[in-house]
Amino acid sequence: IRQRPVAEVATETGMSSGAVYIARSRILAKLRMA
């Protein structure tokens, strides 16, 4: 939504970049279905 860089958000949240991509993908899928 805010279009911030994945690496920056990963650092802030303590997640890996891969985990951020997976989280985003899963939530987008949930949103689309809902």
Full PDB file with SEQRES, HELIX, SHEET, SSBOND, CRYST1, ORIGX, SCALE, CONECT and MASTER records, all heavy atoms in Angstrom:
SEQRES   1 A   34  ILE ARG GLN ARG PRO VAL ALA GLU VAL ALA THR GLU THR          
SEQRES   2 A   34  GLY MET SER SER GLY ALA VAL TYR ILE ALA ARG SER ARG          
SEQRES   3 A   34  ILE LEU ALA LYS LEU ARG MET ALA                              
HELIX    1 AA1 VAL A    6  THR A   13  1                                   8    
HELIX    2 AA2 SER A   17  MET A   33  1                                  17    
CRYST1    1.000    1.000    1.000  90.00  90.00  90.00 P 1           1          
ORIGX1      1.000000  0.000000  0.000000        0.00000                         
ORIGX2      0.000000  1.000000  0.000000        0.00000                         
ORIGX3      0.000000  0.000000  1.000000        0.00000                         
SCALE1      1.000000  0.000000  0.000000        0.00000                         
SCALE2      0.000000  1.000000  0.000000        0.00000                         
SCALE3      0.000000  0.000000  1.000000        0.00000                         
ATOM      1  N   ILE A   1       0.828  -1.205   0.000  1.00  0.00           N  
ATOM      2  CA  ILE A   1       0.000   0.000   0.000  1.00  0.00           C  
ATOM      3  C   ILE A   1       0.866   1.261   0.000  1.00  0.00           C  
ATOM      4  O   ILE A   1       0.640   2.169  -0.797  1.00  0.00           O  
ATOM      5  CB  ILE A   1      -0.976   0.006   1.202  1.00  0.00           C  
ATOM      6  CG1 ILE A   1      -1.820  -1.270   1.239  1.00  0.00           C  
ATOM      7  CG2 ILE A   1      -1.856   1.266   1.177  1.00  0.00           C  
ATOM      8  CD1 ILE A   1      -2.662  -1.536   0.004  1.00  0.00           C  
ATOM      9  N   ARG A   2       1.847   1.311   0.865  1.00  0.00           N  
ATOM     10  CA  ARG A   2       2.700   2.504   0.942  1.00  0.00           C  
ATOM     11  C   ARG A   2       3.876   2.461  -0.029  1.00  0.00           C  
ATOM     12  O   ARG A   2       4.602   3.429  -0.156  1.00  0.00           O  
ATOM     13  CB  ARG A   2       3.190   2.699   2.375  1.00  0.00           C  
ATOM     14  CG  ARG A   2       2.004   2.981   3.331  1.00  0.00           C  
ATOM     15  CD  ARG A   2       2.419   3.413   4.704  1.00  0.00           C  
ATOM     16  NE  ARG A   2       3.097   4.695   4.649  1.00  0.00           N  
ATOM     17  CZ  ARG A   2       4.047   5.064   5.499  1.00  0.00           C  
ATOM     18  NH1 ARG A   2       4.423   4.254   6.471  1.00  0.00           N  
ATOM     19  NH2 ARG A   2       4.621   6.242   5.401  1.00  0.00           N  
ATOM     20  N   GLN A   3       4.059   1.308  -0.683  1.00  0.00           N  
ATOM     21  CA  GLN A   3       5.099   1.138  -1.721  1.00  0.00           C  
ATOM     22  C   GLN A   3       6.521   1.384  -1.203  1.00  0.00           C  
ATOM     23  O   GLN A   3       7.362   1.931  -1.904  1.00  0.00           O  
ATOM     24  CB  GLN A   3       4.808   2.051  -2.924  1.00  0.00           C  
ATOM     25  CG  GLN A   3       3.508   1.731  -3.637  1.00  0.00           C  
ATOM     26  CD  GLN A   3       3.600   0.423  -4.408  1.00  0.00           C  
ATOM     27  OE1 GLN A   3       4.428   0.280  -5.296  1.00  0.00           O  
ATOM     28  NE2 GLN A   3       2.775  -0.547  -4.050  1.00  0.00           N  
ATOM     29  N   ARG A   4       6.780   0.963   0.026  1.00  0.00           N  
ATOM     30  CA  ARG A   4       8.122   1.102   0.587  1.00  0.00           C  
ATOM     31  C   ARG A   4       8.966  -0.095   0.161  1.00  0.00           C  
ATOM     32  O   ARG A   4       8.446  -1.176  -0.095  1.00  0.00           O  
ATOM     33  CB  ARG A   4       8.046   1.195   2.104  1.00  0.00           C  
ATOM     34  CG  ARG A   4       7.381   2.510   2.536  1.00  0.00           C  
ATOM     35  CD  ARG A   4       7.365   2.703   4.032  1.00  0.00           C  
ATOM     36  NE  ARG A   4       8.695   2.600   4.595  1.00  0.00           N  
ATOM     37  CZ  ARG A   4       8.931   2.070   5.802  1.00  0.00           C  
ATOM     38  NH1 ARG A   4       7.956   1.611   6.555  1.00  0.00           N  
ATOM     39  NH2 ARG A   4      10.167   2.001   6.258  1.00  0.00           N  
ATOM     40  N   PRO A   5      10.280   0.068   0.116  1.00  0.00           N  
ATOM     41  CA  PRO A   5      11.163  -1.041  -0.288  1.00  0.00           C  
ATOM     42  C   PRO A   5      11.084  -2.223   0.684  1.00  0.00           C  
ATOM     43  O   PRO A   5      11.043  -2.042   1.901  1.00  0.00           O  
ATOM     44  CB  PRO A   5      12.562  -0.417  -0.248  1.00  0.00           C  
ATOM     45  CG  PRO A   5      12.350   1.061  -0.288  1.00  0.00           C  
ATOM     46  CD  PRO A   5      11.009   1.311   0.361  1.00  0.00           C  
ATOM     47  N   VAL A   6      11.070  -3.419   0.113  1.00  0.00           N  
ATOM     48  CA  VAL A   6      10.973  -4.645   0.907  1.00  0.00           C  
ATOM     49  C   VAL A   6      12.112  -4.729   1.918  1.00  0.00           C  
ATOM     50  O   VAL A   6      11.887  -5.039   3.095  1.00  0.00           O  
ATOM     51  CB  VAL A   6      10.946  -5.890  -0.016  1.00  0.00           C  
ATOM     52  CG1 VAL A   6      11.129  -7.163   0.789  1.00  0.00           C  
ATOM     53  CG2 VAL A   6       9.629  -5.934  -0.790  1.00  0.00           C  
ATOM     54  N   ALA A   7      13.338  -4.443   1.491  1.00  0.00           N  
ATOM     55  CA  ALA A   7      14.490  -4.565   2.396  1.00  0.00           C  
ATOM     56  C   ALA A   7      14.353  -3.644   3.605  1.00  0.00           C  
ATOM     57  O   ALA A   7      14.663  -4.032   4.740  1.00  0.00           O  
ATOM     58  CB  ALA A   7      15.779  -4.261   1.638  1.00  0.00           C  
ATOM     59  N   GLU A   8      13.852  -2.454   3.374  1.00  0.00           N  
ATOM     60  CA  GLU A   8      13.660  -1.481   4.456  1.00  0.00           C  
ATOM     61  C   GLU A   8      12.618  -1.983   5.460  1.00  0.00           C  
ATOM     62  O   GLU A   8      12.823  -1.921   6.668  1.00  0.00           O  
ATOM     63  CB  GLU A   8      13.202  -0.165   3.824  1.00  0.00           C  
ATOM     64  CG  GLU A   8      13.168   1.031   4.722  1.00  0.00           C  
ATOM     65  CD  GLU A   8      12.773   2.273   3.939  1.00  0.00           C  
ATOM     66  OE1 GLU A   8      13.553   2.729   3.083  1.00  0.00           O  
ATOM     67  OE2 GLU A   8      11.647   2.773   4.185  1.00  0.00           O  
ATOM     68  N   VAL A   9      11.515  -2.487   4.948  1.00  0.00           N  
ATOM     69  CA  VAL A   9      10.445  -2.996   5.810  1.00  0.00           C  
ATOM     70  C   VAL A   9      10.912  -4.255   6.535  1.00  0.00           C  
ATOM     71  O   VAL A   9      10.595  -4.454   7.709  1.00  0.00           O  
ATOM     72  CB  VAL A   9       9.157  -3.244   4.996  1.00  0.00           C  
ATOM     73  CG1 VAL A   9       8.089  -3.919   5.837  1.00  0.00           C  
ATOM     74  CG2 VAL A   9       8.643  -1.925   4.420  1.00  0.00           C  
ATOM     75  N   ALA A  10      11.675  -5.089   5.851  1.00  0.00           N  
ATOM     76  CA  ALA A  10      12.196  -6.304   6.479  1.00  0.00           C  
ATOM     77  C   ALA A  10      13.056  -5.942   7.687  1.00  0.00           C  
ATOM     78  O   ALA A  10      12.917  -6.536   8.763  1.00  0.00           O  
ATOM     79  CB  ALA A  10      13.003  -7.117   5.466  1.00  0.00           C  
ATOM     80  N   THR A  11      13.914  -4.958   7.536  1.00  0.00           N  
ATOM     81  CA  THR A  11      14.768  -4.520   8.639  1.00  0.00           C  
ATOM     82  C   THR A  11      13.924  -4.003   9.803  1.00  0.00           C  
ATOM     83  O   THR A  11      14.162  -4.360  10.954  1.00  0.00           O  
ATOM     84  CB  THR A  11      15.745  -3.418   8.161  1.00  0.00           C  
ATOM     85  OG1 THR A  11      16.561  -3.962   7.124  1.00  0.00           O  
ATOM     86  CG2 THR A  11      16.624  -2.930   9.293  1.00  0.00           C  
ATOM     87  N   GLU A  12      12.928  -3.196   9.498  1.00  0.00           N  
ATOM     88  CA  GLU A  12      12.058  -2.627  10.539  1.00  0.00           C  
ATOM     89  C   GLU A  12      11.295  -3.691  11.308  1.00  0.00           C  
ATOM     90  O   GLU A  12      11.094  -3.561  12.509  1.00  0.00           O  
ATOM     91  CB  GLU A  12      11.024  -1.685   9.908  1.00  0.00           C  
ATOM     92  CG  GLU A  12      11.511  -0.301   9.686  1.00  0.00           C  
ATOM     93  CD  GLU A  12      10.431   0.589   9.080  1.00  0.00           C  
ATOM     94  OE1 GLU A  12       9.229   0.237   9.138  1.00  0.00           O  
ATOM     95  OE2 GLU A  12      10.803   1.635   8.547  1.00  0.00           O  
ATOM     96  N   THR A  13      10.824  -4.701  10.599  1.00  0.00           N  
ATOM     97  CA  THR A  13       9.976  -5.719  11.232  1.00  0.00           C  
ATOM     98  C   THR A  13      10.775  -6.889  11.799  1.00  0.00           C  
ATOM     99  O   THR A  13      10.209  -7.729  12.493  1.00  0.00           O  
ATOM    100  CB  THR A  13       8.953  -6.275  10.222  1.00  0.00           C  
ATOM    101  OG1 THR A  13       9.657  -6.834   9.111  1.00  0.00           O  
ATOM    102  CG2 THR A  13       7.985  -5.203   9.757  1.00  0.00           C  
ATOM    103  N   GLY A  14      12.054  -6.956  11.459  1.00  0.00           N  
ATOM    104  CA  GLY A  14      12.863  -8.086  11.909  1.00  0.00           C  
ATOM    105  C   GLY A  14      12.606  -9.349  11.095  1.00  0.00           C  
ATOM    106  O   GLY A  14      12.957 -10.446  11.501  1.00  0.00           O  
ATOM    107  N   MET A  15      11.980  -9.169   9.937  1.00  0.00           N  
ATOM    108  CA  MET A  15      11.702 -10.298   9.045  1.00  0.00           C  
ATOM    109  C   MET A  15      12.775 -10.340   7.957  1.00  0.00           C  
ATOM    110  O   MET A  15      13.407  -9.330   7.665  1.00  0.00           O  
ATOM    111  CB  MET A  15      10.320 -10.119   8.392  1.00  0.00           C  
ATOM    112  CG  MET A  15       9.167 -10.055   9.369  1.00  0.00           C  
ATOM    113  SD  MET A  15       7.605  -9.518   8.610  1.00  0.00           S  
ATOM    114  CE  MET A  15       7.123 -10.989   7.712  1.00  0.00           C  
ATOM    115  N   SER A  16      12.924 -11.504   7.323  1.00  0.00           N  
ATOM    116  CA  SER A  16      13.791 -11.569   6.143  1.00  0.00           C  
ATOM    117  C   SER A  16      13.014 -10.981   4.964  1.00  0.00           C  
ATOM    118  O   SER A  16      11.786 -10.898   4.996  1.00  0.00           O  
ATOM    119  CB  SER A  16      14.178 -13.017   5.836  1.00  0.00           C  
ATOM    120  OG  SER A  16      13.037 -13.736   5.398  1.00  0.00           O  
ATOM    121  N   SER A  17      13.738 -10.588   3.924  1.00  0.00           N  
ATOM    122  CA  SER A  17      13.054 -10.070   2.730  1.00  0.00           C  
ATOM    123  C   SER A  17      12.121 -11.125   2.156  1.00  0.00           C  
ATOM    124  O   SER A  17      11.007 -10.825   1.731  1.00  0.00           O  
ATOM    125  CB  SER A  17      14.071  -9.634   1.670  1.00  0.00           C  
ATOM    126  OG  SER A  17      14.745  -8.478   2.111  1.00  0.00           O  
ATOM    127  N   GLY A  18      12.565 -12.385   2.164  1.00  0.00           N  
ATOM    128  CA  GLY A  18      11.727 -13.471   1.664  1.00  0.00           C  
ATOM    129  C   GLY A  18      10.437 -13.599   2.450  1.00  0.00           C  
ATOM    130  O   GLY A  18       9.370 -13.812   1.878  1.00  0.00           O  
ATOM    131  N   ALA A  19      10.525 -13.454   3.778  1.00  0.00           N  
ATOM    132  CA  ALA A  19       9.330 -13.542   4.622  1.00  0.00           C  
ATOM    133  C   ALA A  19       8.366 -12.387   4.334  1.00  0.00           C  
ATOM    134  O   ALA A  19       7.153 -12.567   4.367  1.00  0.00           O  
ATOM    135  CB  ALA A  19       9.721 -13.554   6.098  1.00  0.00           C  
ATOM    136  N   VAL A  20       8.913 -11.208   4.021  1.00  0.00           N  
ATOM    137  CA  VAL A  20       8.065 -10.066   3.677  1.00  0.00           C  
ATOM    138  C   VAL A  20       7.311 -10.360   2.382  1.00  0.00           C  
ATOM    139  O   VAL A  20       6.103 -10.126   2.283  1.00  0.00           O  
ATOM    140  CB  VAL A  20       8.887  -8.760   3.569  1.00  0.00           C  
ATOM    141  CG1 VAL A  20       8.047  -7.632   2.975  1.00  0.00           C  
ATOM    142  CG2 VAL A  20       9.430  -8.360   4.930  1.00  0.00           C  
ATOM    143  N   TYR A  21       8.026 -10.885   1.375  1.00  0.00           N  
ATOM    144  CA  TYR A  21       7.373 -11.229   0.101  1.00  0.00           C  
ATOM    145  C   TYR A  21       6.271 -12.271   0.311  1.00  0.00           C  
ATOM    146  O   TYR A  21       5.179 -12.167  -0.258  1.00  0.00           O  
ATOM    147  CB  TYR A  21       8.383 -11.749  -0.920  1.00  0.00           C  
ATOM    148  CG  TYR A  21       9.204 -10.678  -1.569  1.00  0.00           C  
ATOM    149  CD1 TYR A  21      10.564 -10.577  -1.324  1.00  0.00           C  
ATOM    150  CD2 TYR A  21       8.628  -9.756  -2.442  1.00  0.00           C  
ATOM    151  CE1 TYR A  21      11.335  -9.591  -1.941  1.00  0.00           C  
ATOM    152  CE2 TYR A  21       9.384  -8.766  -3.064  1.00  0.00           C  
ATOM    153  CZ  TYR A  21      10.738  -8.694  -2.801  1.00  0.00           C  
ATOM    154  OH  TYR A  21      11.486  -7.712  -3.407  1.00  0.00           O  
ATOM    155  N   ILE A  22       6.560 -13.278   1.127  1.00  0.00           N  
ATOM    156  CA  ILE A  22       5.573 -14.335   1.393  1.00  0.00           C  
ATOM    157  C   ILE A  22       4.360 -13.755   2.126  1.00  0.00           C  
ATOM    158  O   ILE A  22       3.216 -14.052   1.778  1.00  0.00           O  
ATOM    159  CB  ILE A  22       6.214 -15.500   2.187  1.00  0.00           C  
ATOM    160  CG1 ILE A  22       7.202 -16.252   1.286  1.00  0.00           C  
ATOM    161  CG2 ILE A  22       5.144 -16.440   2.737  1.00  0.00           C  
ATOM    162  CD1 ILE A  22       8.085 -17.237   2.023  1.00  0.00           C  
ATOM    163  N   ALA A  23       4.613 -12.926   3.137  1.00  0.00           N  
ATOM    164  CA  ALA A  23       3.515 -12.307   3.888  1.00  0.00           C  
ATOM    165  C   ALA A  23       2.643 -11.481   2.958  1.00  0.00           C  
ATOM    166  O   ALA A  23       1.408 -11.574   2.991  1.00  0.00           O  
ATOM    167  CB  ALA A  23       4.077 -11.418   5.009  1.00  0.00           C  
ATOM    168  N   ARG A  24       3.270 -10.690   2.107  1.00  0.00           N  
ATOM    169  CA  ARG A  24       2.519  -9.842   1.179  1.00  0.00           C  
ATOM    170  C   ARG A  24       1.687 -10.696   0.229  1.00  0.00           C  
ATOM    171  O   ARG A  24       0.517 -10.425   0.007  1.00  0.00           O  
ATOM    172  CB  ARG A  24       3.489  -8.951   0.402  1.00  0.00           C  
ATOM    173  CG  ARG A  24       2.790  -7.965  -0.489  1.00  0.00           C  
ATOM    174  CD  ARG A  24       3.722  -6.955  -1.060  1.00  0.00           C  
ATOM    175  NE  ARG A  24       4.612  -7.557  -2.040  1.00  0.00           N  
ATOM    176  CZ  ARG A  24       5.588  -6.904  -2.640  1.00  0.00           C  
ATOM    177  NH1 ARG A  24       5.838  -5.646  -2.360  1.00  0.00           N  
ATOM    178  NH2 ARG A  24       6.347  -7.509  -3.528  1.00  0.00           N  
ATOM    179  N   SER A  25       2.276 -11.743  -0.299  1.00  0.00           N  
ATOM    180  CA  SER A  25       1.577 -12.616  -1.232  1.00  0.00           C  
ATOM    181  C   SER A  25       0.385 -13.302  -0.572  1.00  0.00           C  
ATOM    182  O   SER A  25      -0.706 -13.368  -1.148  1.00  0.00           O  
ATOM    183  CB  SER A  25       2.560 -13.660  -1.771  1.00  0.00           C  
ATOM    184  OG  SER A  25       1.900 -14.568  -2.602  1.00  0.00           O  
ATOM    185  N   ARG A  26       0.568 -13.797   0.640  1.00  0.00           N  
ATOM    186  CA  ARG A  26      -0.521 -14.484   1.347  1.00  0.00           C  
ATOM    187  C   ARG A  26      -1.665 -13.535   1.667  1.00  0.00           C  
ATOM    188  O   ARG A  26      -2.838 -13.892   1.532  1.00  0.00           O  
ATOM    189  CB  ARG A  26       0.010 -15.133   2.620  1.00  0.00           C  
ATOM    190  CG  ARG A  26       0.838 -16.361   2.328  1.00  0.00           C  
ATOM    191  CD  ARG A  26       1.292 -17.038   3.585  1.00  0.00           C  
ATOM    192  NE  ARG A  26       2.068 -18.228   3.249  1.00  0.00           N  
ATOM    193  CZ  ARG A  26       2.912 -18.824   4.062  1.00  0.00           C  
ATOM    194  NH1 ARG A  26       3.096 -18.363   5.281  1.00  0.00           N  
ATOM    195  NH2 ARG A  26       3.572 -19.893   3.680  1.00  0.00           N  
ATOM    196  N   ILE A  27      -1.328 -12.330   2.105  1.00  0.00           N  
ATOM    197  CA  ILE A  27      -2.392 -11.371   2.442  1.00  0.00           C  
ATOM    198  C   ILE A  27      -3.119 -10.932   1.184  1.00  0.00           C  
ATOM    199  O   ILE A  27      -4.342 -10.811   1.180  1.00  0.00           O  
ATOM    200  CB  ILE A  27      -1.825 -10.188   3.246  1.00  0.00           C  
ATOM    201  CG1 ILE A  27      -1.447 -10.682   4.646  1.00  0.00           C  
ATOM    202  CG2 ILE A  27      -2.841  -9.049   3.321  1.00  0.00           C  
ATOM    203  CD1 ILE A  27      -0.824  -9.648   5.542  1.00  0.00           C  
ATOM    204  N   LEU A  28      -2.401 -10.696   0.098  1.00  0.00           N  
ATOM    205  CA  LEU A  28      -3.064 -10.336  -1.160  1.00  0.00           C  
ATOM    206  C   LEU A  28      -4.032 -11.433  -1.591  1.00  0.00           C  
ATOM    207  O   LEU A  28      -5.140 -11.143  -2.036  1.00  0.00           O  
ATOM    208  CB  LEU A  28      -2.031 -10.076  -2.265  1.00  0.00           C  
ATOM    209  CG  LEU A  28      -1.330  -8.724  -2.214  1.00  0.00           C  
ATOM    210  CD1 LEU A  28      -0.175  -8.681  -3.199  1.00  0.00           C  
ATOM    211  CD2 LEU A  28      -2.316  -7.600  -2.495  1.00  0.00           C  
ATOM    212  N   ALA A  29      -3.620 -12.684  -1.444  1.00  0.00           N  
ATOM    213  CA  ALA A  29      -4.500 -13.805  -1.811  1.00  0.00           C  
ATOM    214  C   ALA A  29      -5.750 -13.815  -0.923  1.00  0.00           C  
ATOM    215  O   ALA A  29      -6.865 -14.012  -1.414  1.00  0.00           O  
ATOM    216  CB  ALA A  29      -3.745 -15.127  -1.700  1.00  0.00           C  
ATOM    217  N   LYS A  30      -5.576 -13.606   0.381  1.00  0.00           N  
ATOM    218  CA  LYS A  30      -6.715 -13.557   1.297  1.00  0.00           C  
ATOM    219  C   LYS A  30      -7.652 -12.409   0.934  1.00  0.00           C  
ATOM    220  O   LYS A  30      -8.872 -12.562   0.946  1.00  0.00           O  
ATOM    221  CB  LYS A  30      -6.238 -13.362   2.740  1.00  0.00           C  
ATOM    222  CG  LYS A  30      -5.660 -14.586   3.399  1.00  0.00           C  
ATOM    223  CD  LYS A  30      -5.195 -14.226   4.817  1.00  0.00           C  
ATOM    224  CE  LYS A  30      -4.598 -15.380   5.544  1.00  0.00           C  
ATOM    225  NZ  LYS A  30      -5.600 -16.289   6.111  1.00  0.00           N  
ATOM    226  N   LEU A  31      -7.075 -11.247   0.625  1.00  0.00           N  
ATOM    227  CA  LEU A  31      -7.886 -10.084   0.263  1.00  0.00           C  
ATOM    228  C   LEU A  31      -8.675 -10.343  -1.015  1.00  0.00           C  
ATOM    229  O   LEU A  31      -9.868 -10.045  -1.083  1.00  0.00           O  
ATOM    230  CB  LEU A  31      -7.005  -8.843   0.094  1.00  0.00           C  
ATOM    231  CG  LEU A  31      -6.434  -8.249   1.379  1.00  0.00           C  
ATOM    232  CD1 LEU A  31      -5.378  -7.194   1.045  1.00  0.00           C  
ATOM    233  CD2 LEU A  31      -7.534  -7.650   2.242  1.00  0.00           C  
ATOM    234  N   ARG A  32      -7.996 -10.890  -2.027  1.00  0.00           N  
ATOM    235  CA  ARG A  32      -8.682 -11.173  -3.299  1.00  0.00           C  
ATOM    236  C   ARG A  32      -9.856 -12.124  -3.093  1.00  0.00           C  
ATOM    237  O   ARG A  32     -10.948 -11.908  -3.606  1.00  0.00           O  
ATOM    238  CB  ARG A  32      -7.701 -11.780  -4.308  1.00  0.00           C  
ATOM    239  CG  ARG A  32      -6.838 -10.760  -4.977  1.00  0.00           C  
ATOM    240  CD  ARG A  32      -6.060 -11.368  -6.138  1.00  0.00           C  
ATOM    241  NE  ARG A  32      -5.015 -10.460  -6.533  1.00  0.00           N  
ATOM    242  CZ  ARG A  32      -3.726 -10.605  -6.236  1.00  0.00           C  
ATOM    243  NH1 ARG A  32      -3.310 -11.646  -5.556  1.00  0.00           N  
ATOM    244  NH2 ARG A  32      -2.842  -9.711  -6.628  1.00  0.00           N  
ATOM    245  N   MET A  33      -9.613 -13.190  -2.329  1.00  0.00           N  
ATOM    246  CA  MET A  33     -10.666 -14.171  -2.108  1.00  0.00           C  
ATOM    247  C   MET A  33     -11.831 -13.543  -1.340  1.00  0.00           C  
ATOM    248  O   MET A  33     -12.993 -13.729  -1.696  1.00  0.00           O  
ATOM    249  CB  MET A  33     -10.128 -15.384  -1.353  1.00  0.00           C  
ATOM    250  CG  MET A  33     -11.195 -16.436  -1.115  1.00  0.00           C  
ATOM    251  SD  MET A  33     -10.505 -17.995  -0.544  1.00  0.00           S  
ATOM    252  CE  MET A  33      -9.639 -18.509  -2.031  1.00  0.00           C  
ATOM    253  N   ALA A  34     -11.525 -12.792  -0.305  1.00  0.00           N  
ATOM    254  CA  ALA A  34     -12.574 -12.167   0.501  1.00  0.00           C  
ATOM    255  C   ALA A  34     -13.368 -11.151  -0.316  1.00  0.00           C  
ATOM    256  O   ALA A  34     -14.589 -11.068  -0.186  1.00  0.00           O  
ATOM    257  CB  ALA A  34     -11.964 -11.510   1.738  1.00  0.00           C  
TER     258      ALA A  34                                                      
MASTER        0    0    0    2    0    0    0    6  257    1    0    3          
END                                                                             
